[in-house]
Amino acid sequence: MDALLLTDPGFWVDLRPHAAGCFPGEIPRLGGLEGQVLFATSGSTGPPQWLALSKPALLVAAAAVNQHLRVSEKSCWGLALPLHHVGGFGVIARAFEAGCAVRHFSQRWQAGAFQAWLRQTGVTHTSLVPAQVHDLVAAGLTAPPALVTIVVGGGQLDETTGRAARHLGWPVLASYGMTEAGSQIATQGPEALDSPYQPAPLSVLPIWSTRVSSEGQLSIAGPALFSGRLLREGAGWTLHPRAGEWHLTADRVDLTANQLTPRGRMDALVKVLGELVDPLAIESELLLLAKGALVPGSVAIIAVPDERAGHRLVPVFEAAVAPALRAAVLASYHRQAPGFRRLQAPLVVAALPRSPLGKLRRAELAAALGGGGASA
């Protein structure tokens, strides 16, 4: 999909369904798809599917973000994410909704080139993923003065990298969202830039109603919620409309006075010796123990089924991590970890499998480990 198409008012009133990505074949002519935009997603787990979001819902989501970030017609949104991702699509929708300028960083991602592009275009607002912020920090690049806000989504930006980015002038704000919500559910406001960076809590945007189960599982309701799921069934496609006003997410959160703290996915929890363990929380602990020496995304904790313990927790490092650093971080972790959270001997791979946006492909990594794709 061409970014310029989304700046045309005709697109937003066109009732033909559009795919924000490469749809396999022709989009089916099904009732309920009128005026919908389709986004390919498998979530973090599960088979591929297409989520349908109405154009009015996407504009409602865009307006909520613009208002939260104080975007005006004098602002300029910068697109540095792929359009087939709801975060990238949302950038163009926000520019259209605000009636402001938009610029597209269309070249291959490179931190230095991105910094130069920002200086040339005068972009005031943009969205990035944690891996892109890390690249800016690793290169020691400073932010141009015109840049007001960077919304960081597609995963959590850790505290160490976030504070390093702020030190270099990059105005990073943490956010939490999902394709089902048309982008953001909760985002730090510009006032958070007056304090040292923290990955949470995040302010829930006013368009969302939220509730949390006794297990911490989040449900959301609001005008930007997806319309339904388009699934391949046999030789054809079937649209499954959203059931009800509320959408039960797969995420655990803490929610206090409309302030949300993500706690990981419900399906990420595993049992080890009868105790529930979150492998993602252990990854975050390792980063903290490394005090900035360990690159975010260079280690993953994979739960491997075990007949006796239920699961074994296996740390998998990228080969670029120095053996001495790897050993020091694990030793520090094991000095304070209870028995059920202890890790197995580490494995090393050339590179952890990631999506184009830098998200770890956990299922792919687990399958590779099962096939002997790593070494001790």
Protein backbone atom coordinates (compact mmCIF):
# COMPACT_ATOMS: atom_id res chain seq x y z
CA MET A 1 0.00 0.00 0.00
CA ASP A 2 1.34 3.43 -0.97
CA ALA A 3 1.63 5.91 1.91
CA LEU A 4 0.35 8.69 -0.37
CA LEU A 5 -2.89 6.75 -0.86
CA LEU A 6 -3.70 7.19 2.83
CA THR A 7 -3.38 10.97 2.61
CA ASP A 8 -6.14 11.11 -0.03
CA PRO A 9 -9.55 11.92 1.56
CA GLY A 10 -11.11 9.57 -1.00
CA PHE A 11 -9.42 6.58 0.63
CA TRP A 12 -11.20 7.17 3.91
CA VAL A 13 -14.68 7.17 2.36
CA ASP A 14 -14.03 4.32 -0.09
CA LEU A 15 -16.13 1.31 0.98
CA ARG A 16 -13.93 -1.21 -0.80
CA PRO A 17 -11.85 -3.29 1.63
CA HIS A 18 -8.11 -2.68 1.53
CA ALA A 19 -5.25 -4.84 2.77
CA ALA A 20 -2.40 -3.11 4.61
CA GLY A 21 0.04 -5.60 3.17
CA CYS A 22 0.22 -8.30 0.54
CA PHE A 23 -3.04 -10.23 0.69
CA PRO A 24 -2.80 -13.75 -0.77
CA GLY A 25 -4.95 -13.44 -3.87
CA GLU A 26 -8.02 -11.26 -4.19
CA ILE A 27 -9.72 -9.92 -1.10
CA PRO A 28 -12.93 -11.94 -0.77
CA ARG A 29 -16.25 -10.25 -1.40
CA LEU A 30 -17.89 -10.88 1.93
CA GLY A 31 -20.58 -9.00 3.77
CA GLY A 32 -19.09 -7.10 6.67
CA LEU A 33 -15.86 -6.20 4.90
CA GLU A 34 -17.14 -2.91 3.50
CA GLY A 35 -14.89 -0.04 4.53
CA GLN A 36 -12.49 -2.32 6.38
CA VAL A 37 -8.69 -2.32 6.39
CA LEU A 38 -7.09 -5.75 6.78
CA PHE A 39 -3.93 -6.33 8.81
CA ALA A 40 -2.05 -9.62 8.77
CA THR A 41 -1.25 -10.85 12.25
CA SER A 42 -0.60 -14.02 14.15
CA GLY A 43 -0.26 -12.15 17.44
CA SER A 44 2.74 -13.40 19.39
CA THR A 45 1.52 -16.96 18.95
CA GLY A 46 -1.04 -18.73 16.79
CA PRO A 47 -1.74 -19.22 13.08
CA PRO A 48 -1.73 -16.31 10.59
CA GLN A 49 -4.97 -14.40 10.20
CA TRP A 50 -6.22 -11.03 9.03
CA LEU A 51 -7.82 -8.56 11.40
CA ALA A 52 -10.45 -6.20 10.00
CA LEU A 53 -10.58 -2.65 11.35
CA SER A 54 -13.02 -0.09 10.03
CA LYS A 55 -11.70 3.19 8.68
CA PRO A 56 -13.75 5.20 11.22
CA ALA A 57 -12.21 3.09 14.00
CA LEU A 58 -8.70 3.78 12.71
CA LEU A 59 -9.39 7.52 12.59
CA VAL A 60 -10.79 7.46 16.13
CA ALA A 61 -7.60 5.76 17.26
CA ALA A 62 -5.54 8.35 15.38
CA ALA A 63 -7.44 11.25 16.94
CA ALA A 64 -6.94 9.85 20.44
CA VAL A 65 -3.18 9.62 19.95
CA ASN A 66 -2.98 13.08 18.42
CA GLN A 67 -4.85 14.61 21.32
CA HIS A 68 -2.75 12.73 23.89
CA LEU A 69 0.52 13.85 22.25
CA ARG A 70 -0.70 17.42 21.55
CA VAL A 71 -0.35 17.09 17.79
CA SER A 72 -1.66 20.03 15.72
CA GLU A 73 -1.85 21.02 12.07
CA LYS A 74 1.60 22.59 12.53
CA SER A 75 3.14 19.25 13.51
CA CYS A 76 4.85 16.79 11.18
CA TRP A 77 4.57 13.03 11.56
CA GLY A 78 7.46 10.90 10.36
CA LEU A 79 6.89 7.35 9.13
CA ALA A 80 9.76 4.95 9.80
CA LEU A 81 7.72 1.75 10.27
CA PRO A 82 6.24 -0.50 7.57
CA LEU A 83 2.72 0.39 6.46
CA HIS A 84 1.52 -3.19 6.74
CA HIS A 85 2.04 -2.89 10.50
CA VAL A 86 -0.71 -1.09 12.41
CA GLY A 87 1.89 1.16 14.04
CA GLY A 88 3.10 2.40 10.66
CA PHE A 89 -0.40 2.69 9.23
CA GLY A 90 -1.39 4.64 12.32
CA VAL A 91 1.27 7.28 11.68
CA ILE A 92 -0.29 8.17 8.32
CA ALA A 93 -3.79 8.06 9.79
CA ARG A 94 -2.71 10.50 12.52
CA ALA A 95 -1.25 12.92 9.98
CA PHE A 96 -4.47 12.78 7.95
CA GLU A 97 -6.65 13.25 11.02
CA ALA A 98 -4.60 16.20 12.28
CA GLY A 99 -4.33 17.78 8.85
CA CYS A 100 -0.59 18.07 9.32
CA ALA A 101 2.43 17.20 7.21
CA VAL A 102 3.86 13.70 6.98
CA ARG A 103 7.25 12.50 5.76
CA HIS A 104 8.23 8.95 4.83
CA PHE A 105 11.65 7.48 5.66
CA SER A 106 11.54 5.05 2.75
CA GLN A 107 15.15 3.93 2.65
CA ARG A 108 16.54 0.91 4.45
CA TRP A 109 16.84 1.47 8.19
CA GLN A 110 20.18 2.86 9.30
CA ALA A 111 20.50 4.98 12.41
CA GLY A 112 22.76 7.65 10.91
CA ALA A 113 20.62 8.02 7.81
CA PHE A 114 17.51 8.31 9.97
CA GLN A 115 19.06 11.06 12.08
CA ALA A 116 20.05 12.99 8.95
CA TRP A 117 16.56 12.53 7.48
CA LEU A 118 14.98 13.92 10.65
CA ARG A 119 17.17 17.00 10.47
CA GLN A 120 16.27 17.56 6.83
CA THR A 121 12.52 17.10 7.17
CA GLY A 122 11.76 18.81 10.49
CA VAL A 123 9.68 15.86 11.73
CA THR A 124 8.17 16.56 15.16
CA HIS A 125 6.52 13.20 15.96
CA THR A 126 7.37 9.65 15.01
CA SER A 127 6.95 6.04 16.12
CA LEU A 128 9.79 3.55 16.50
CA VAL A 129 10.31 0.04 17.85
CA PRO A 130 12.83 -0.69 20.64
CA ALA A 131 15.44 -2.09 18.24
CA GLN A 132 15.52 1.21 16.34
CA VAL A 133 15.96 3.21 19.55
CA HIS A 134 18.78 0.89 20.57
CA ASP A 135 20.53 1.53 17.24
CA LEU A 136 20.36 5.30 17.79
CA VAL A 137 21.83 4.91 21.27
CA ALA A 138 24.52 2.44 20.20
CA ALA A 139 25.66 4.89 17.53
CA GLY A 140 25.80 7.73 20.08
CA LEU A 141 23.60 9.93 17.89
CA THR A 142 21.85 13.01 19.26
CA ALA A 143 18.29 14.02 18.43
CA PRO A 144 17.53 17.02 16.21
CA PRO A 145 15.91 19.94 18.07
CA ALA A 146 12.65 19.84 16.06
CA LEU A 147 11.76 16.35 17.29
CA VAL A 148 9.15 16.53 20.06
CA THR A 149 8.04 12.93 20.62
CA ILE A 150 9.00 9.35 19.79
CA VAL A 151 6.31 6.82 20.65
CA VAL A 152 7.99 3.47 21.23
CA GLY A 153 5.81 0.43 20.55
CA GLY A 154 6.04 -3.12 19.29
CA GLY A 155 7.63 -4.23 22.57
CA GLN A 156 8.92 -2.72 25.77
CA LEU A 157 11.88 -0.35 25.70
CA ASP A 158 14.00 -1.24 28.73
CA GLU A 159 14.89 1.38 31.32
CA THR A 160 18.64 1.43 30.60
CA THR A 161 18.22 2.05 26.87
CA GLY A 162 15.40 4.52 27.43
CA ARG A 163 17.45 6.63 29.81
CA ALA A 164 20.45 6.53 27.49
CA ALA A 165 18.19 7.70 24.66
CA ARG A 166 16.85 10.57 26.78
CA HIS A 167 20.43 11.55 27.66
CA LEU A 168 21.10 11.93 23.92
CA GLY A 169 17.99 14.06 23.52
CA TRP A 170 15.66 11.44 22.02
CA PRO A 171 12.17 12.13 23.48
CA VAL A 172 11.10 8.50 23.92
CA LEU A 173 7.69 7.67 25.40
CA ALA A 174 6.63 4.11 26.16
CA SER A 175 3.37 2.77 24.77
CA TYR A 176 1.27 -0.38 24.86
CA GLY A 177 -1.05 -1.41 22.07
CA MET A 178 -2.10 -4.11 19.67
CA THR A 179 -3.50 -4.55 16.19
CA GLU A 180 -6.95 -5.33 17.64
CA ALA A 181 -7.02 -1.80 19.07
CA GLY A 182 -5.93 -0.02 15.91
CA SER A 183 -2.62 0.87 17.59
CA GLN A 184 -2.28 2.35 21.08
CA ILE A 185 -4.20 1.52 24.24
CA ALA A 186 -1.98 3.22 26.80
CA THR A 187 0.85 5.69 26.25
CA GLN A 188 2.98 7.98 28.36
CA GLY A 189 2.13 11.64 27.87
CA PRO A 190 4.57 14.44 26.98
CA GLU A 191 4.78 15.38 30.65
CA ALA A 192 6.69 12.12 31.24
CA LEU A 193 9.65 13.71 29.43
CA ASP A 194 10.20 15.88 32.50
CA SER A 195 11.18 12.82 34.56
CA PRO A 196 13.78 10.06 34.08
CA TYR A 197 12.55 7.40 31.66
CA GLN A 198 10.56 4.49 33.08
CA PRO A 199 8.90 1.81 30.90
CA ALA A 200 5.71 2.06 32.99
CA PRO A 201 3.13 3.06 34.09
CA LEU A 202 1.27 4.22 30.98
CA SER A 203 -1.85 6.38 30.77
CA VAL A 204 -4.85 4.60 29.24
CA LEU A 205 -6.19 6.67 26.33
CA PRO A 206 -9.68 8.11 27.00
CA ILE A 207 -11.35 6.13 24.19
CA TRP A 208 -10.75 2.84 26.04
CA SER A 209 -12.70 1.19 28.81
CA THR A 210 -10.65 -1.41 30.65
CA ARG A 211 -11.14 -4.16 33.17
CA VAL A 212 -8.83 -6.76 34.65
CA SER A 213 -9.64 -10.28 35.83
CA SER A 214 -8.50 -11.70 39.16
CA GLU A 215 -5.54 -13.23 37.25
CA GLY A 216 -4.60 -9.83 35.81
CA GLN A 217 -5.90 -10.52 32.28
CA LEU A 218 -6.91 -7.35 30.46
CA SER A 219 -10.16 -6.74 28.57
CA ILE A 220 -10.80 -3.60 26.51
CA ALA A 221 -13.84 -1.94 24.94
CA GLY A 222 -13.99 1.16 22.79
CA PRO A 223 -14.77 2.69 19.40
CA ALA A 224 -11.41 1.76 17.83
CA LEU A 225 -11.77 -1.97 18.43
CA PHE A 226 -11.41 -4.36 15.50
CA SER A 227 -14.50 -5.53 13.61
CA GLY A 228 -13.63 -9.19 13.12
CA ARG A 229 -11.13 -11.82 12.03
CA LEU A 230 -10.75 -13.09 8.47
CA LEU A 231 -9.65 -16.72 8.52
CA ARG A 232 -8.73 -19.11 5.73
CA GLU A 233 -11.08 -22.08 5.96
CA GLY A 234 -10.57 -24.71 3.28
CA ALA A 235 -10.35 -23.08 -0.12
CA GLY A 236 -12.10 -19.87 0.97
CA TRP A 237 -12.23 -17.19 3.61
CA THR A 238 -14.67 -16.66 6.47
CA LEU A 239 -15.18 -13.44 8.40
CA HIS A 240 -15.76 -14.00 12.10
CA PRO A 241 -17.23 -10.79 13.56
CA ARG A 242 -16.07 -9.69 16.98
CA ALA A 243 -18.29 -11.21 19.63
CA GLY A 244 -19.61 -8.56 21.98
CA GLU A 245 -18.52 -5.14 23.18
CA TRP A 246 -15.46 -6.36 25.07
CA HIS A 247 -12.27 -7.96 23.76
CA LEU A 248 -10.39 -10.26 26.12
CA THR A 249 -6.68 -9.81 25.41
CA ALA A 250 -3.97 -12.36 26.08
CA ASP A 251 -2.03 -9.89 28.22
CA ARG A 252 -1.50 -9.52 31.95
CA VAL A 253 -1.43 -5.99 33.34
CA ASP A 254 -1.59 -4.02 36.55
CA LEU A 255 -4.23 -1.29 36.40
CA THR A 256 -4.54 1.47 39.00
CA ALA A 257 -6.39 4.75 38.51
CA ASN A 258 -6.23 4.42 34.71
CA GLN A 259 -2.46 3.81 34.85
CA LEU A 260 -1.45 0.56 33.14
CA THR A 261 1.69 -1.52 33.63
CA PRO A 262 2.16 -4.43 31.17
CA ARG A 263 3.17 -7.70 32.84
CA GLY A 264 3.51 -10.00 29.84
CA ARG A 265 1.28 -12.48 28.08
CA MET A 266 -0.96 -14.98 29.82
CA ASP A 267 0.28 -17.72 27.48
CA ALA A 268 3.92 -16.92 28.32
CA LEU A 269 3.57 -18.31 31.84
CA VAL A 270 4.88 -21.83 32.38
CA LYS A 271 4.94 -24.20 35.33
CA VAL A 272 8.34 -25.14 36.78
CA LEU A 273 8.29 -27.49 39.77
CA GLY A 274 4.68 -26.48 40.36
CA GLU A 275 5.39 -22.72 40.32
CA LEU A 276 4.29 -20.25 37.65
CA VAL A 277 7.24 -18.56 35.92
CA ASP A 278 7.35 -15.79 33.30
CA PRO A 279 10.37 -16.27 30.99
CA LEU A 280 10.05 -12.69 29.70
CA ALA A 281 10.40 -11.34 33.25
CA ILE A 282 13.65 -13.30 33.61
CA GLU A 283 14.95 -11.74 30.38
CA SER A 284 14.26 -8.29 31.86
CA GLU A 285 16.09 -9.26 35.06
CA LEU A 286 19.16 -10.30 33.09
CA LEU A 287 19.21 -6.93 31.32
CA LEU A 288 19.01 -5.10 34.64
CA LEU A 289 21.78 -7.22 36.15
CA ALA A 290 23.98 -6.48 33.14
CA LYS A 291 23.64 -2.71 33.82
CA GLY A 292 23.56 -1.81 30.15
CA ALA A 293 26.32 -4.17 29.01
CA LEU A 294 23.86 -6.69 27.55
CA VAL A 295 22.12 -5.56 24.36
CA PRO A 296 18.31 -5.86 24.62
CA GLY A 297 17.11 -8.69 22.41
CA SER A 298 20.43 -10.56 22.53
CA VAL A 299 19.15 -13.16 25.01
CA ALA A 300 15.95 -15.17 25.25
CA ILE A 301 14.64 -17.54 27.90
CA ILE A 302 12.96 -20.54 26.31
CA ALA A 303 10.80 -22.97 28.31
CA VAL A 304 11.50 -26.55 27.25
CA PRO A 305 9.03 -29.26 28.35
CA ASP A 306 10.40 -31.59 31.02
CA GLU A 307 8.71 -34.71 32.40
CA ARG A 308 9.87 -34.17 35.98
CA ALA A 309 9.87 -30.38 36.40
CA GLY A 310 7.16 -29.45 33.90
CA HIS A 311 9.58 -27.15 32.09
CA ARG A 312 13.28 -26.33 32.01
CA LEU A 313 14.35 -22.72 31.48
CA VAL A 314 17.06 -22.44 28.86
CA PRO A 315 18.88 -19.13 28.25
CA VAL A 316 19.77 -18.61 24.59
CA PHE A 317 22.35 -15.95 23.79
CA GLU A 318 23.45 -14.48 20.50
CA ALA A 319 27.06 -15.24 19.61
CA ALA A 320 27.90 -11.52 19.76
CA VAL A 321 27.52 -11.60 23.57
CA ALA A 322 30.98 -12.01 25.08
CA PRO A 323 31.37 -15.31 27.00
CA ALA A 324 32.64 -13.46 30.08
CA LEU A 325 29.60 -11.17 30.12
CA ARG A 326 27.29 -14.13 29.62
CA ALA A 327 28.86 -15.99 32.55
CA ALA A 328 28.85 -12.94 34.83
CA VAL A 329 25.19 -12.13 34.23
CA LEU A 330 24.07 -15.72 34.81
CA ALA A 331 26.17 -15.99 37.97
CA SER A 332 24.63 -12.80 39.31
CA TYR A 333 21.14 -14.05 38.48
CA HIS A 334 21.65 -17.43 40.16
CA ARG A 335 22.88 -15.82 43.39
CA GLN A 336 19.34 -14.56 44.03
CA ALA A 337 17.05 -16.87 42.01
CA PRO A 338 14.94 -19.48 43.85
CA GLY A 339 15.31 -23.09 42.74
CA PHE A 340 12.28 -23.17 40.46
CA ARG A 341 13.61 -20.12 38.53
CA ARG A 342 17.12 -21.46 38.01
CA LEU A 343 18.37 -21.63 34.44
CA GLN A 344 19.93 -24.47 32.51
CA ALA A 345 23.34 -24.26 30.83
CA PRO A 346 23.23 -21.50 28.20
CA LEU A 347 22.98 -22.12 24.48
CA VAL A 348 24.46 -19.88 21.80
CA VAL A 349 23.07 -19.10 18.34
CA ALA A 350 24.43 -16.88 15.60
CA ALA A 351 21.33 -14.65 15.79
CA LEU A 352 17.95 -14.90 17.45
CA PRO A 353 15.09 -15.07 14.90
CA ARG A 354 13.14 -11.81 14.73
CA SER A 355 10.28 -10.27 12.80
CA PRO A 356 10.91 -7.26 10.52
CA LEU A 357 10.01 -5.06 13.51
CA GLY A 358 12.52 -6.78 15.76
CA LYS A 359 10.12 -8.96 17.75
CA LEU A 360 11.57 -12.26 18.85
CA ARG A 361 10.01 -15.23 17.07
CA ARG A 362 9.81 -17.46 20.12
CA ALA A 363 8.03 -20.38 18.51
CA GLU A 364 10.59 -20.46 15.72
CA LEU A 365 13.44 -20.39 18.23
CA ALA A 366 11.91 -23.16 20.33
CA ALA A 367 11.50 -25.30 17.19
CA ALA A 368 15.11 -24.64 16.18
CA LEU A 369 16.36 -25.68 19.60
CA GLY A 370 14.35 -28.87 19.40
CA GLY A 371 16.00 -29.57 16.05
CA GLY A 372 19.50 -29.05 17.39
CA GLY A 373 19.95 -25.59 15.89
CA ALA A 374 22.08 -24.27 18.79
CA SER A 375 25.30 -25.12 20.54
CA ALA A 376 26.44 -24.89 24.13
